Amino acid sequence: MTIMKADKTPSLGIALDSGGARGGAHIGVLDVLNEQNIPIDLIVGSSAGAFVGALYAAGKAGILKDIINDMSWRESLSFYLDPVFPISGLLAGRRARAFIKDIVGDITIEELPIKFVAIATDLLTGETIPIDKGPLVDAIMASISMPGIFKPVIHMDRLLTDGGVSDPLPLDILKSYSPKITVACNLHSRLPERFNMFQRKAIVKIQRTLDQEEDIASWIISRMIDVIRSQRMFDGIRPVVKDLVNKIGSSYPGPPLRMKEIDLVAFLQNQLNLSKDKVTNILENSFSKKGKPASLNIFEIMAISTNIQQYQKNSLMLRYEKPDVLISPDVTYIGSLEFTKASETIKEGRNRAIEAIPEIKALLKLKS
């Protein structure tokens, strides 16, 4: 794909909203601007907007579009599903990083033909952090690391998480770079309407009947106590211990393990693997196209909550930082994790961008 890049004023900058799978709409918007020979000098993206914007600035958006248009829900998992025991996040992010790097390589932001800024959030200070230099992969990963799902990213000596936490539609950052024309692509033009009245009633009903969920910490501690108290550690287990020494003790980084410790390590290793499998199954059910479950799992609850917050933040941003042109693809019916609906989001982005073309061209003519 040949990218139209302005070499003189007027300059045009675009702010791309966060939104997970809804970010496919940005691909449609940027495609239309390129087809209409509208030059983009600056892209400021948050989360999904940073991901799509970075690939567009690097001339790689076409590759992404080809991948996601033919992606099954199970294939979509393979690009980033690497669950870890949940301490700072459910997914390690290694697969997501490898997927992004396979597309963009080792390029830095400074080397891009279009000025690009990724938005992240400092988890320790709450600050919005614009990233406009350094490795592109690092900037993208910092911006897309959804809290609770991906582990936070250490970058620029900061602990960074998703840009949508502090600034989902970064018009304020866009305007700080002083482009003559500002365009915003808002993916949260209204509150989510994914569930009709009957679905909402069904979800509420099933939530009332759910058994109380087991406290994972208490579950592990109780089983640890059972193992420690068990007499089987002392009666006829030396062959087992010897085998465990070979399998576990040789790779254990600490001091030599005693019998009780080895048995406990083996038990915990098994339980953590079971926990990892459970996380994987929940994630797979979140992405499955086999009908809508009657209850909401943890990932859907986090995603829906985030969408509501982002709608409120975007409404405030658009009240005080109005762009010259606002493009609002209607993708609120698509869940943040429904990556298999990429073709729908791209089409909707294209349609809304086509409607905005006359206004953008009039502004370009007026300010040239």
Protein backbone atom coordinates (compact mmCIF):
# COMPACT_ATOMS: atom_id res chain seq x y z
CA MET A 1 0.00 0.00 0.00
CA THR A 2 1.35 3.40 -1.00
CA ILE A 3 0.88 5.96 1.77
CA MET A 4 0.10 9.56 0.91
CA LYS A 5 2.40 11.76 2.98
CA ALA A 6 2.23 15.53 2.98
CA ASP A 7 5.45 17.39 2.31
CA LYS A 8 4.07 20.86 3.01
CA THR A 9 1.34 22.58 4.96
CA PRO A 10 -1.52 22.31 5.66
CA SER A 11 -0.79 19.46 8.04
CA LEU A 12 -3.45 16.98 9.08
CA GLY A 13 -3.38 14.92 12.25
CA ILE A 14 -5.73 12.16 13.36
CA ALA A 15 -6.52 10.78 16.83
CA LEU A 16 -7.48 7.10 16.93
CA ASP A 17 -9.63 5.80 19.79
CA SER A 18 -9.01 2.69 21.90
CA GLY A 19 -11.50 -0.15 21.71
CA GLY A 20 -10.00 -3.61 21.24
CA ALA A 21 -11.59 -5.45 18.32
CA ARG A 22 -13.53 -2.32 17.38
CA GLY A 23 -10.21 -0.86 16.25
CA GLY A 24 -10.72 -2.52 12.88
CA ALA A 25 -12.83 0.53 12.03
CA HIS A 26 -9.62 2.59 12.05
CA ILE A 27 -8.30 0.45 9.19
CA GLY A 28 -11.35 1.36 7.11
CA VAL A 29 -11.02 5.07 7.93
CA LEU A 30 -7.30 5.23 7.10
CA ASP A 31 -7.82 3.24 3.89
CA VAL A 32 -10.39 5.75 2.64
CA LEU A 33 -8.19 8.75 3.47
CA ASN A 34 -5.33 7.15 1.55
CA GLU A 35 -7.54 6.29 -1.42
CA GLN A 36 -8.74 9.90 -1.54
CA ASN A 37 -5.12 11.15 -1.59
CA ILE A 38 -5.59 12.93 1.73
CA PRO A 39 -2.13 13.21 3.31
CA ILE A 40 -1.73 12.39 6.99
CA ASP A 41 1.18 14.04 8.80
CA LEU A 42 0.49 12.83 12.33
CA ILE A 43 -1.22 9.82 13.94
CA VAL A 44 -1.85 9.73 17.69
CA GLY A 45 -3.34 6.44 18.82
CA SER A 46 -4.43 4.90 22.09
CA SER A 47 -4.48 1.10 22.57
CA ALA A 48 -6.19 -0.37 19.49
CA GLY A 49 -5.73 3.04 17.84
CA ALA A 50 -1.99 2.86 18.54
CA PHE A 51 -1.80 -0.65 17.10
CA VAL A 52 -3.61 0.19 13.85
CA GLY A 53 -2.03 3.64 13.59
CA ALA A 54 1.48 2.26 14.03
CA LEU A 55 1.00 -0.36 11.33
CA TYR A 56 -0.45 2.25 8.98
CA ALA A 57 2.45 4.63 9.63
CA ALA A 58 4.85 1.76 8.92
CA GLY A 59 3.05 0.89 5.68
CA LYS A 60 1.95 -2.50 7.07
CA ALA A 61 -1.81 -2.02 7.54
CA GLY A 62 -2.54 -4.10 4.45
CA ILE A 63 -0.80 -7.10 6.00
CA LEU A 64 -2.88 -6.78 9.17
CA LYS A 65 -6.10 -6.50 7.15
CA ASP A 66 -5.30 -9.67 5.20
CA ILE A 67 -4.61 -11.56 8.43
CA ILE A 68 -7.68 -10.53 10.40
CA ASN A 69 -10.14 -10.79 7.51
CA ASP A 70 -9.48 -14.54 7.24
CA MET A 71 -8.96 -15.20 10.96
CA SER A 72 -11.05 -17.75 12.83
CA TRP A 73 -11.73 -17.18 16.52
CA ARG A 74 -9.39 -20.03 17.46
CA GLU A 75 -6.61 -18.63 15.25
CA SER A 76 -7.03 -15.22 16.86
CA LEU A 77 -6.16 -16.77 20.22
CA SER A 78 -2.85 -18.10 18.95
CA PHE A 79 -1.48 -14.60 18.39
CA TYR A 80 -1.55 -13.56 22.05
CA LEU A 81 -2.85 -16.35 24.29
CA ASP A 82 0.00 -17.16 26.70
CA PRO A 83 -1.68 -17.32 30.14
CA VAL A 84 0.42 -17.02 33.27
CA PHE A 85 -0.46 -17.43 36.93
CA PRO A 86 -2.38 -14.17 37.56
CA ILE A 87 -0.17 -11.90 39.64
CA SER A 88 0.08 -8.75 37.50
CA GLY A 89 -1.89 -9.98 34.49
CA LEU A 90 -3.48 -13.06 32.95
CA LEU A 91 -1.43 -12.98 29.73
CA ALA A 92 2.34 -12.56 29.50
CA GLY A 93 2.22 -10.67 26.20
CA ARG A 94 5.12 -12.56 24.62
CA ARG A 95 3.02 -13.90 21.76
CA ALA A 96 1.44 -10.51 21.09
CA ARG A 97 4.90 -8.95 20.96
CA ALA A 98 6.16 -11.65 18.58
CA PHE A 99 3.10 -11.18 16.35
CA ILE A 100 3.65 -7.42 16.13
CA LYS A 101 7.39 -7.76 15.58
CA ASP A 102 6.81 -10.22 12.73
CA ILE A 103 4.87 -7.46 10.96
CA VAL A 104 6.86 -4.29 11.70
CA GLY A 105 10.33 -5.66 12.46
CA ASP A 106 12.82 -3.65 14.52
CA ILE A 107 11.89 -0.21 13.19
CA THR A 108 11.91 2.80 15.51
CA ILE A 109 9.24 5.49 15.66
CA GLU A 110 11.76 8.03 14.39
CA GLU A 111 12.19 6.01 11.18
CA LEU A 112 8.49 6.00 10.27
CA PRO A 113 7.47 8.06 7.20
CA ILE A 114 4.55 9.51 9.19
CA LYS A 115 4.93 11.06 12.63
CA PHE A 116 3.41 8.65 15.15
CA VAL A 117 2.60 8.85 18.86
CA ALA A 118 1.40 5.95 21.01
CA ILE A 119 -0.51 6.71 24.19
CA ALA A 120 0.13 4.72 27.37
CA THR A 121 -0.70 5.19 31.06
CA ASP A 122 1.80 5.25 33.91
CA LEU A 123 0.31 2.75 36.34
CA LEU A 124 2.14 4.28 39.33
CA THR A 125 1.39 7.97 38.74
CA GLY A 126 -1.76 7.91 36.60
CA GLU A 127 -0.13 10.14 33.98
CA THR A 128 -0.89 9.93 30.28
CA ILE A 129 2.41 9.10 28.55
CA PRO A 130 2.87 10.00 24.86
CA ILE A 131 5.54 7.77 23.28
CA ASP A 132 6.99 9.39 20.15
CA LYS A 133 10.43 7.82 20.00
CA GLY A 134 12.15 4.50 20.47
CA PRO A 135 11.33 0.96 19.26
CA LEU A 136 7.88 0.80 17.66
CA VAL A 137 7.10 -2.64 19.11
CA ASP A 138 7.73 -1.40 22.66
CA ALA A 139 5.44 1.59 22.13
CA ILE A 140 2.63 -0.57 20.78
CA MET A 141 2.91 -3.12 23.59
CA ALA A 142 2.83 -0.40 26.24
CA SER A 143 -0.28 1.13 24.68
CA ILE A 144 -2.30 -2.09 24.21
CA SER A 145 -1.59 -3.81 27.55
CA MET A 146 -5.14 -3.95 28.90
CA PRO A 147 -4.98 -3.94 32.73
CA GLY A 148 -5.89 -7.25 34.29
CA ILE A 149 -5.40 -9.10 30.99
CA PHE A 150 -1.86 -8.25 29.86
CA LYS A 151 0.99 -7.75 32.28
CA PRO A 152 2.10 -4.09 32.52
CA VAL A 153 5.06 -3.15 30.33
CA ILE A 154 8.28 -1.64 31.66
CA HIS A 155 9.31 1.05 29.17
CA MET A 156 11.03 4.44 29.53
CA ASP A 157 11.73 3.49 33.17
CA ARG A 158 7.98 3.46 33.83
CA LEU A 159 5.41 0.76 34.54
CA LEU A 160 2.98 1.30 31.66
CA THR A 161 -0.48 0.00 30.90
CA ASP A 162 -3.18 0.55 28.29
CA GLY A 163 -3.52 4.10 26.96
CA GLY A 164 -7.30 3.79 27.17
CA VAL A 165 -7.08 3.89 30.95
CA SER A 166 -6.19 7.59 31.00
CA ASP A 167 -6.78 8.91 27.47
CA PRO A 168 -8.79 6.68 25.11
CA LEU A 169 -9.39 9.40 22.48
CA PRO A 170 -6.16 11.45 22.66
CA LEU A 171 -7.32 14.68 21.06
CA ASP A 172 -5.49 16.71 23.72
CA ILE A 173 -2.19 15.04 22.81
CA LEU A 174 -2.90 15.44 19.09
CA LYS A 175 -3.51 19.17 19.49
CA SER A 176 -0.32 19.59 21.50
CA TYR A 177 1.59 18.85 18.26
CA SER A 178 -0.32 21.73 16.57
CA PRO A 179 -1.56 20.20 13.31
CA LYS A 180 -3.56 22.69 11.23
CA ILE A 181 -6.43 20.21 10.76
CA THR A 182 -7.52 17.74 13.43
CA VAL A 183 -9.55 14.59 12.76
CA ALA A 184 -10.78 12.16 15.42
CA CYS A 185 -12.09 8.63 15.02
CA ASN A 186 -14.36 7.87 18.00
CA LEU A 187 -15.36 4.23 18.59
CA HIS A 188 -17.51 5.02 21.64
CA SER A 189 -20.19 7.33 20.29
CA ARG A 190 -22.86 5.74 22.51
CA LEU A 191 -23.13 3.32 25.39
CA PRO A 192 -22.75 -0.38 24.57
CA GLU A 193 -25.93 -2.06 23.32
CA ARG A 194 -24.78 -5.65 22.93
CA PHE A 195 -27.65 -7.21 24.89
CA ASN A 196 -31.36 -6.91 24.23
CA MET A 197 -33.95 -6.91 27.03
CA PHE A 198 -34.37 -10.71 27.02
CA GLN A 199 -30.60 -11.32 27.11
CA ARG A 200 -30.19 -8.89 30.00
CA LYS A 201 -32.90 -10.67 31.99
CA ALA A 202 -31.31 -14.05 31.29
CA ILE A 203 -27.87 -12.84 32.42
CA VAL A 204 -29.25 -11.38 35.65
CA LYS A 205 -31.18 -14.59 36.33
CA ILE A 206 -28.19 -16.88 35.85
CA GLN A 207 -25.92 -14.62 37.96
CA ARG A 208 -28.35 -15.07 40.86
CA THR A 209 -28.06 -18.84 40.69
CA LEU A 210 -24.30 -19.16 40.29
CA ASP A 211 -22.53 -21.05 43.05
CA GLN A 212 -20.16 -18.99 45.15
CA GLU A 213 -16.81 -18.94 43.39
CA GLU A 214 -13.94 -20.52 45.25
CA ASP A 215 -11.26 -18.27 46.64
CA ILE A 216 -8.12 -19.34 44.74
CA ALA A 217 -5.73 -18.29 47.52
CA SER A 218 -7.69 -20.21 50.16
CA TRP A 219 -7.96 -23.17 47.82
CA ILE A 220 -4.19 -23.37 47.32
CA ILE A 221 -3.38 -22.79 51.01
CA SER A 222 -5.78 -25.51 52.18
CA ARG A 223 -4.22 -28.00 49.80
CA MET A 224 -0.73 -26.98 50.83
CA ILE A 225 -1.67 -27.70 54.46
CA ASP A 226 -3.09 -31.09 53.43
CA VAL A 227 0.19 -31.98 51.72
CA ILE A 228 2.32 -30.81 54.62
CA ARG A 229 0.23 -32.81 57.10
CA SER A 230 0.13 -35.90 54.92
CA GLN A 231 2.00 -38.93 56.20
CA ARG A 232 2.66 -40.12 52.68
CA MET A 233 5.76 -37.91 52.59
CA PHE A 234 7.36 -40.13 55.20
CA ASP A 235 6.11 -43.61 54.25
CA GLY A 236 7.67 -45.37 51.30
CA ILE A 237 8.13 -42.38 49.00
CA ARG A 238 11.89 -42.38 48.56
CA PRO A 239 11.69 -43.63 44.93
CA VAL A 240 9.20 -40.85 44.19
CA VAL A 241 11.41 -38.27 45.89
CA LYS A 242 14.41 -39.42 43.89
CA ASP A 243 12.46 -39.01 40.67
CA LEU A 244 11.28 -35.55 41.76
CA VAL A 245 14.87 -34.54 42.52
CA ASN A 246 15.79 -35.38 38.95
CA LYS A 247 12.79 -33.59 37.44
CA ILE A 248 12.46 -30.57 39.71
CA GLY A 249 15.42 -30.27 42.05
CA SER A 250 18.00 -30.03 39.27
CA SER A 251 16.32 -26.94 37.81
CA TYR A 252 15.40 -25.31 41.12
CA PRO A 253 17.39 -22.04 41.45
CA GLY A 254 17.55 -22.00 45.26
CA PRO A 255 19.40 -24.16 47.83
CA PRO A 256 19.04 -27.98 47.72
CA LEU A 257 15.47 -29.11 48.38
CA ARG A 258 14.41 -31.35 51.28
CA MET A 259 11.83 -34.11 50.87
CA LYS A 260 8.90 -32.02 52.10
CA GLU A 261 9.88 -29.09 49.91
CA ILE A 262 10.24 -31.25 46.81
CA ASP A 263 6.83 -32.79 47.33
CA LEU A 264 5.31 -29.36 47.89
CA VAL A 265 6.98 -27.90 44.77
CA ALA A 266 5.64 -30.78 42.67
CA PHE A 267 2.15 -30.26 44.06
CA LEU A 268 2.19 -26.50 43.45
CA GLN A 269 3.57 -27.00 39.96
CA ASN A 270 0.67 -29.30 39.15
CA GLN A 271 -1.93 -26.95 40.64
CA LEU A 272 -0.54 -23.93 38.80
CA ASN A 273 -0.70 -25.85 35.53
CA LEU A 274 -4.33 -26.67 36.27
CA SER A 275 -5.01 -22.97 36.99
CA LYS A 276 -3.34 -22.03 33.70
CA ASP A 277 -5.54 -24.52 31.83
CA LYS A 278 -8.62 -23.04 33.50
CA VAL A 279 -7.64 -19.51 32.40
CA THR A 280 -7.12 -20.79 28.85
CA ASN A 281 -10.57 -22.40 28.79
CA ILE A 282 -12.22 -19.20 30.00
CA LEU A 283 -10.42 -17.19 27.34
CA GLU A 284 -11.42 -19.63 24.61
CA ASN A 285 -15.05 -19.40 25.68
CA SER A 286 -14.78 -15.59 25.56
CA PHE A 287 -13.80 -15.70 21.89
CA SER A 288 -16.01 -18.59 20.78
CA LYS A 289 -18.67 -17.88 18.18
CA LYS A 290 -20.92 -20.66 19.51
CA GLY A 291 -23.66 -18.41 20.83
CA LYS A 292 -23.69 -15.95 23.73
CA PRO A 293 -23.27 -17.52 27.19
CA ALA A 294 -26.01 -16.75 29.69
CA SER A 295 -23.46 -15.48 32.23
CA LEU A 296 -20.54 -13.08 31.88
CA ASN A 297 -17.00 -14.23 32.60
CA ILE A 298 -14.23 -12.08 34.03
CA PHE A 299 -12.90 -10.98 30.63
CA GLU A 300 -16.29 -9.82 29.38
CA ILE A 301 -16.96 -7.96 32.62
CA MET A 302 -13.60 -6.13 32.39
CA ALA A 303 -14.16 -5.32 28.70
CA ILE A 304 -17.72 -4.04 29.18
CA SER A 305 -16.68 -1.94 32.19
CA THR A 306 -13.82 -0.45 30.19
CA ASN A 307 -16.13 0.43 27.29
CA ILE A 308 -18.50 2.27 29.62
CA GLN A 309 -15.61 4.25 31.13
CA GLN A 310 -14.25 5.09 27.70
CA TYR A 311 -17.62 6.33 26.50
CA GLN A 312 -17.74 8.73 29.45
CA LYS A 313 -14.14 9.90 28.92
CA ASN A 314 -14.62 10.41 25.19
CA SER A 315 -17.78 12.43 25.78
CA LEU A 316 -15.84 14.77 28.07
CA MET A 317 -12.88 14.98 25.69
CA LEU A 318 -15.11 15.88 22.73
CA ARG A 319 -16.85 18.54 24.81
CA TYR A 320 -13.64 20.40 25.61
CA GLU A 321 -11.30 19.42 22.76
CA LYS A 322 -13.42 19.50 19.61
CA PRO A 323 -11.75 18.21 16.43
CA ASP A 324 -12.24 19.87 13.07
CA VAL A 325 -13.73 16.62 11.77
CA LEU A 326 -15.27 13.84 13.87
CA ILE A 327 -15.69 10.34 12.42
CA SER A 328 -17.82 8.00 14.56
CA PRO A 329 -18.12 4.43 13.26
CA ASP A 330 -21.04 2.67 14.94
CA VAL A 331 -19.32 -0.43 16.33
CA THR A 332 -20.66 -0.36 19.88
CA TYR A 333 -22.49 -3.67 19.32
CA ILE A 334 -19.13 -5.42 18.86
CA GLY A 335 -17.34 -6.66 21.96
CA SER A 336 -13.77 -5.63 22.64
CA LEU A 337 -12.66 -9.27 22.27
CA GLU A 338 -14.65 -10.14 19.12
CA PHE A 339 -11.72 -10.01 16.72
CA THR A 340 -13.45 -12.30 14.23
CA LYS A 341 -15.79 -9.44 13.28
CA ALA A 342 -12.97 -7.46 11.68
CA SER A 343 -14.63 -7.26 8.27
CA GLU A 344 -17.70 -5.62 9.83
CA THR A 345 -15.66 -3.00 11.67
CA ILE A 346 -13.52 -2.21 8.61
CA LYS A 347 -16.62 -1.75 6.46
CA GLU A 348 -18.26 0.54 9.00
CA GLY A 349 -15.07 2.61 9.27
CA ARG A 350 -14.96 2.98 5.50
CA ASN A 351 -18.60 4.10 5.29
CA ARG A 352 -18.24 6.77 7.95
CA ALA A 353 -14.94 8.02 6.48
CA ILE A 354 -16.49 8.36 3.01
CA GLU A 355 -19.19 10.56 4.53
CA ALA A 356 -16.50 12.80 6.06
CA ILE A 357 -14.39 13.21 2.90
CA PRO A 358 -16.17 16.36 1.55
CA GLU A 359 -15.69 18.13 4.90
CA ILE A 360 -12.01 17.15 5.09
CA LYS A 361 -11.32 18.26 1.51
CA ALA A 362 -13.08 21.58 2.11
CA LEU A 363 -10.86 22.20 5.15
CA LEU A 364 -7.72 21.27 3.22
CA LYS A 365 -8.69 23.76 0.52
CA LEU A 366 -9.59 26.45 3.04
CA LYS A 367 -6.35 26.14 5.02
CA SER A 368 -3.94 25.64 2.13
